[in-house]
Amino acid sequence: MREDQLNEAAEIFHLLGDPTRLRIVVSCLEGPLSVGEIVEKVDVSQSLVSHHLRLLRATRLLVSERRGRHIYYAPADNHVRCIVNDMIDHIAEPHGEED
């Protein structure tokens, strides 16, 4: 892996390390959502959601699509879905105590 790729991957994991941003991405896994719908699902202010959406779009985790007056957000591709879903599955797995 090249250094620039390593840095980009680290930045993506850093962004997903914020609980609010992770909730935004998880809520969009179910289907495209408008900013208002995301605000309702994650229960934070619209300005904070908009700030997080800018960061998530800049790192290509989410994409936006205008439909009339509203902009809808969805995962950029199946890789994003897999990363998040695999982590959710990993956390849900039972784990034993290590000696």
N, C-alpha and C. Protein backbone atom coordinates (compact mmCIF):
# COMPACT_ATOMS: atom_id res chain seq x y z
N MET A 1 0.84 -1.17 0.00
CA MET A 1 0.00 0.00 0.00
C MET A 1 0.90 1.24 0.00
N ARG A 2 0.59 2.17 -0.89
CA ARG A 2 1.36 3.41 -0.96
C ARG A 2 1.07 4.29 0.26
N GLU A 3 1.98 5.19 0.55
CA GLU A 3 1.84 6.07 1.72
C GLU A 3 0.58 6.92 1.63
N ASP A 4 0.28 7.46 0.45
CA ASP A 4 -0.91 8.30 0.29
C ASP A 4 -2.19 7.49 0.50
N GLN A 5 -2.19 6.23 0.08
CA GLN A 5 -3.35 5.36 0.30
C GLN A 5 -3.51 5.03 1.78
N LEU A 6 -2.39 4.79 2.43
CA LEU A 6 -2.42 4.51 3.87
C LEU A 6 -2.97 5.71 4.63
N ASN A 7 -2.53 6.91 4.26
CA ASN A 7 -3.03 8.12 4.91
C ASN A 7 -4.52 8.32 4.67
N GLU A 8 -4.97 8.04 3.46
CA GLU A 8 -6.40 8.20 3.15
C GLU A 8 -7.23 7.20 3.93
N ALA A 9 -6.78 5.94 4.03
CA ALA A 9 -7.49 4.93 4.82
C ALA A 9 -7.54 5.33 6.29
N ALA A 10 -6.44 5.85 6.81
CA ALA A 10 -6.41 6.28 8.21
C ALA A 10 -7.40 7.42 8.44
N GLU A 11 -7.49 8.34 7.50
CA GLU A 11 -8.44 9.46 7.62
C GLU A 11 -9.88 8.95 7.61
N ILE A 12 -10.17 7.98 6.77
CA ILE A 12 -11.53 7.41 6.71
C ILE A 12 -11.87 6.75 8.04
N PHE A 13 -10.95 5.95 8.59
CA PHE A 13 -11.21 5.31 9.88
C PHE A 13 -11.34 6.36 10.98
N HIS A 14 -10.57 7.41 10.90
CA HIS A 14 -10.67 8.49 11.88
C HIS A 14 -12.06 9.13 11.82
N LEU A 15 -12.54 9.41 10.61
CA LEU A 15 -13.87 10.00 10.46
C LEU A 15 -14.96 9.08 11.00
N LEU A 16 -14.84 7.79 10.71
CA LEU A 16 -15.84 6.84 11.19
C LEU A 16 -15.74 6.59 12.69
N GLY A 17 -14.64 7.07 13.31
CA GLY A 17 -14.47 6.94 14.75
C GLY A 17 -15.34 7.89 15.55
N ASP A 18 -15.93 8.87 14.89
CA ASP A 18 -16.85 9.78 15.55
C ASP A 18 -18.24 9.16 15.58
N PRO A 19 -18.84 8.98 16.77
CA PRO A 19 -20.15 8.31 16.85
C PRO A 19 -21.24 8.97 16.00
N THR A 20 -21.26 10.30 15.95
CA THR A 20 -22.30 10.97 15.16
C THR A 20 -22.13 10.68 13.68
N ARG A 21 -20.89 10.78 13.19
CA ARG A 21 -20.66 10.48 11.76
C ARG A 21 -20.99 9.03 11.45
N LEU A 22 -20.62 8.13 12.35
CA LEU A 22 -20.93 6.72 12.13
C LEU A 22 -22.45 6.51 12.11
N ARG A 23 -23.19 7.17 13.01
CA ARG A 23 -24.66 7.05 12.99
C ARG A 23 -25.23 7.56 11.68
N ILE A 24 -24.66 8.64 11.14
CA ILE A 24 -25.13 9.18 9.86
C ILE A 24 -24.92 8.15 8.76
N VAL A 25 -23.73 7.57 8.69
CA VAL A 25 -23.45 6.57 7.65
C VAL A 25 -24.35 5.36 7.82
N VAL A 26 -24.50 4.86 9.04
CA VAL A 26 -25.35 3.69 9.29
C VAL A 26 -26.78 3.99 8.89
N SER A 27 -27.29 5.18 9.21
CA SER A 27 -28.67 5.50 8.85
C SER A 27 -28.86 5.54 7.34
N CYS A 28 -27.83 5.93 6.60
CA CYS A 28 -27.93 5.99 5.13
C CYS A 28 -27.80 4.62 4.47
N LEU A 29 -27.38 3.60 5.23
CA LEU A 29 -27.27 2.26 4.64
C LEU A 29 -28.63 1.71 4.24
N GLU A 30 -29.69 2.15 4.91
CA GLU A 30 -31.04 1.66 4.63
C GLU A 30 -31.60 2.22 3.33
N GLY A 31 -31.03 3.29 2.84
CA GLY A 31 -31.50 3.93 1.61
C GLY A 31 -31.21 5.41 1.68
N PRO A 32 -31.25 6.09 0.55
CA PRO A 32 -30.95 7.52 0.53
C PRO A 32 -31.86 8.30 1.47
N LEU A 33 -31.25 9.26 2.20
CA LEU A 33 -31.99 10.09 3.14
C LEU A 33 -31.69 11.56 2.88
N SER A 34 -32.68 12.40 3.11
CA SER A 34 -32.48 13.85 3.04
C SER A 34 -31.83 14.32 4.34
N VAL A 35 -31.34 15.54 4.34
CA VAL A 35 -30.73 16.09 5.54
C VAL A 35 -31.73 16.07 6.69
N GLY A 36 -32.96 16.46 6.42
CA GLY A 36 -34.00 16.47 7.46
C GLY A 36 -34.24 15.10 8.05
N GLU A 37 -34.26 14.09 7.19
CA GLU A 37 -34.45 12.72 7.68
C GLU A 37 -33.26 12.26 8.51
N ILE A 38 -32.07 12.65 8.11
CA ILE A 38 -30.87 12.29 8.88
C ILE A 38 -30.91 12.98 10.24
N VAL A 39 -31.29 14.25 10.26
CA VAL A 39 -31.41 15.00 11.52
C VAL A 39 -32.34 14.27 12.48
N GLU A 40 -33.49 13.81 11.98
CA GLU A 40 -34.44 13.09 12.82
C GLU A 40 -33.87 11.77 13.33
N LYS A 41 -33.18 11.03 12.47
CA LYS A 41 -32.65 9.72 12.85
C LYS A 41 -31.51 9.81 13.85
N VAL A 42 -30.62 10.77 13.68
CA VAL A 42 -29.44 10.83 14.56
C VAL A 42 -29.63 11.81 15.72
N ASP A 43 -30.70 12.62 15.68
CA ASP A 43 -31.08 13.51 16.77
C ASP A 43 -29.99 14.51 17.13
N VAL A 44 -29.47 15.18 16.11
CA VAL A 44 -28.55 16.30 16.31
C VAL A 44 -29.00 17.45 15.41
N SER A 45 -28.42 18.62 15.60
CA SER A 45 -28.85 19.79 14.85
C SER A 45 -28.55 19.66 13.35
N GLN A 46 -29.31 20.41 12.57
CA GLN A 46 -29.11 20.37 11.12
C GLN A 46 -27.74 20.91 10.75
N SER A 47 -27.26 21.93 11.45
CA SER A 47 -25.95 22.48 11.11
C SER A 47 -24.84 21.46 11.39
N LEU A 48 -24.97 20.69 12.47
CA LEU A 48 -23.96 19.67 12.78
C LEU A 48 -24.02 18.54 11.75
N VAL A 49 -25.22 18.11 11.37
CA VAL A 49 -25.36 17.08 10.34
C VAL A 49 -24.74 17.57 9.04
N SER A 50 -25.02 18.80 8.64
CA SER A 50 -24.46 19.35 7.41
C SER A 50 -22.94 19.37 7.45
N HIS A 51 -22.38 19.74 8.59
CA HIS A 51 -20.92 19.74 8.74
C HIS A 51 -20.36 18.33 8.54
N HIS A 52 -20.96 17.35 9.21
CA HIS A 52 -20.50 15.96 9.08
C HIS A 52 -20.68 15.44 7.66
N LEU A 53 -21.78 15.81 7.02
CA LEU A 53 -22.01 15.36 5.64
C LEU A 53 -20.94 15.89 4.69
N ARG A 54 -20.50 17.12 4.90
CA ARG A 54 -19.42 17.68 4.07
C ARG A 54 -18.16 16.82 4.20
N LEU A 55 -17.81 16.45 5.44
CA LEU A 55 -16.62 15.63 5.66
C LEU A 55 -16.78 14.24 5.05
N LEU A 56 -17.95 13.65 5.21
CA LEU A 56 -18.19 12.30 4.69
C LEU A 56 -18.20 12.29 3.16
N ARG A 57 -18.69 13.34 2.55
CA ARG A 57 -18.66 13.43 1.09
C ARG A 57 -17.23 13.66 0.59
N ALA A 58 -16.47 14.46 1.32
CA ALA A 58 -15.09 14.77 0.91
C ALA A 58 -14.22 13.52 0.90
N THR A 59 -14.50 12.58 1.77
CA THR A 59 -13.72 11.34 1.82
C THR A 59 -14.39 10.22 1.02
N ARG A 60 -15.39 10.56 0.26
CA ARG A 60 -16.09 9.61 -0.63
C ARG A 60 -16.77 8.47 0.12
N LEU A 61 -17.18 8.72 1.36
CA LEU A 61 -17.97 7.72 2.08
C LEU A 61 -19.44 7.83 1.70
N LEU A 62 -19.90 9.05 1.50
CA LEU A 62 -21.28 9.29 1.08
C LEU A 62 -21.28 10.10 -0.22
N VAL A 63 -22.33 9.92 -0.99
CA VAL A 63 -22.56 10.72 -2.18
C VAL A 63 -23.91 11.41 -2.03
N SER A 64 -24.09 12.49 -2.76
CA SER A 64 -25.35 13.23 -2.69
C SER A 64 -26.00 13.28 -4.07
N GLU A 65 -27.33 13.39 -4.03
CA GLU A 65 -28.11 13.50 -5.27
C GLU A 65 -29.26 14.45 -5.02
N ARG A 66 -29.37 15.45 -5.87
CA ARG A 66 -30.47 16.41 -5.73
C ARG A 66 -31.72 15.84 -6.38
N ARG A 67 -32.82 15.94 -5.63
CA ARG A 67 -34.14 15.56 -6.15
C ARG A 67 -35.09 16.70 -5.81
N GLY A 68 -35.36 17.53 -6.79
CA GLY A 68 -36.20 18.70 -6.52
C GLY A 68 -35.50 19.63 -5.55
N ARG A 69 -36.18 19.97 -4.45
CA ARG A 69 -35.63 20.88 -3.46
C ARG A 69 -34.69 20.20 -2.48
N HIS A 70 -34.69 18.88 -2.43
CA HIS A 70 -33.94 18.15 -1.41
C HIS A 70 -32.70 17.46 -1.98
N ILE A 71 -31.71 17.31 -1.13
CA ILE A 71 -30.52 16.55 -1.46
C ILE A 71 -30.53 15.29 -0.62
N TYR A 72 -30.34 14.16 -1.27
CA TYR A 72 -30.36 12.87 -0.58
C TYR A 72 -28.95 12.30 -0.53
N TYR A 73 -28.65 11.65 0.58
CA TYR A 73 -27.32 11.09 0.82
C TYR A 73 -27.40 9.58 0.94
N ALA A 74 -26.39 8.92 0.37
CA ALA A 74 -26.32 7.45 0.38
C ALA A 74 -24.84 7.05 0.39
N PRO A 75 -24.56 5.81 0.79
CA PRO A 75 -23.17 5.34 0.72
C PRO A 75 -22.65 5.46 -0.70
N ALA A 76 -21.38 5.79 -0.82
CA ALA A 76 -20.79 6.02 -2.14
C ALA A 76 -20.78 4.76 -2.99
N ASP A 77 -20.56 3.61 -2.35
CA ASP A 77 -20.54 2.36 -3.09
C ASP A 77 -20.67 1.19 -2.12
N ASN A 78 -20.62 0.00 -2.66
CA ASN A 78 -20.79 -1.19 -1.84
C ASN A 78 -19.62 -1.39 -0.86
N HIS A 79 -18.45 -0.84 -1.18
CA HIS A 79 -17.32 -0.96 -0.25
C HIS A 79 -17.65 -0.32 1.09
N VAL A 80 -18.30 0.84 1.05
CA VAL A 80 -18.67 1.53 2.29
C VAL A 80 -19.65 0.67 3.08
N ARG A 81 -20.65 0.12 2.38
CA ARG A 81 -21.61 -0.76 3.05
C ARG A 81 -20.90 -1.94 3.71
N CYS A 82 -19.97 -2.54 2.99
CA CYS A 82 -19.25 -3.71 3.52
C CYS A 82 -18.42 -3.35 4.74
N ILE A 83 -17.70 -2.24 4.69
CA ILE A 83 -16.87 -1.83 5.83
C ILE A 83 -17.73 -1.69 7.08
N VAL A 84 -18.82 -0.95 6.96
CA VAL A 84 -19.67 -0.69 8.12
C VAL A 84 -20.40 -1.95 8.56
N ASN A 85 -20.98 -2.68 7.62
CA ASN A 85 -21.71 -3.90 7.99
C ASN A 85 -20.77 -4.96 8.57
N ASP A 86 -19.56 -5.08 8.02
CA ASP A 86 -18.61 -6.05 8.58
C ASP A 86 -18.22 -5.68 10.00
N MET A 87 -18.06 -4.41 10.28
CA MET A 87 -17.72 -3.98 11.63
C MET A 87 -18.88 -4.26 12.58
N ILE A 88 -20.10 -4.00 12.14
CA ILE A 88 -21.28 -4.29 12.95
C ILE A 88 -21.35 -5.79 13.24
N ASP A 89 -21.13 -6.62 12.23
CA ASP A 89 -21.12 -8.07 12.41
C ASP A 89 -20.01 -8.50 13.36
N HIS A 90 -18.84 -7.90 13.21
CA HIS A 90 -17.70 -8.24 14.07
C HIS A 90 -18.03 -7.95 15.54
N ILE A 91 -18.62 -6.80 15.80
CA ILE A 91 -18.96 -6.41 17.17
C ILE A 91 -20.04 -7.32 17.74
N ALA A 92 -20.96 -7.79 16.90
CA ALA A 92 -22.06 -8.64 17.37
C ALA A 92 -21.64 -10.07 17.65
N GLU A 93 -20.47 -10.47 17.14
CA GLU A 93 -20.01 -11.84 17.37
C GLU A 93 -19.68 -12.06 18.84
N PRO A 94 -20.06 -13.22 19.36
CA PRO A 94 -19.66 -13.52 20.75
C PRO A 94 -18.14 -13.68 20.82
N HIS A 95 -17.58 -13.22 21.89
CA HIS A 95 -16.15 -13.37 22.04
C HIS A 95 -15.85 -13.83 23.46
N GLY A 96 -14.88 -14.70 23.54
CA GLY A 96 -14.52 -15.26 24.84
C GLY A 96 -13.41 -14.46 25.48
N GLU A 97 -13.22 -14.75 26.73
CA GLU A 97 -12.13 -14.12 27.49
C GLU A 97 -10.81 -14.71 27.04
N GLU A 98 -9.82 -13.86 26.85
CA GLU A 98 -8.48 -14.36 26.49
C GLU A 98 -7.68 -14.49 27.76
N ASP A 99 -6.82 -15.50 27.80
CA ASP A 99 -5.99 -15.71 28.98
C ASP A 99 -4.84 -14.75 29.04
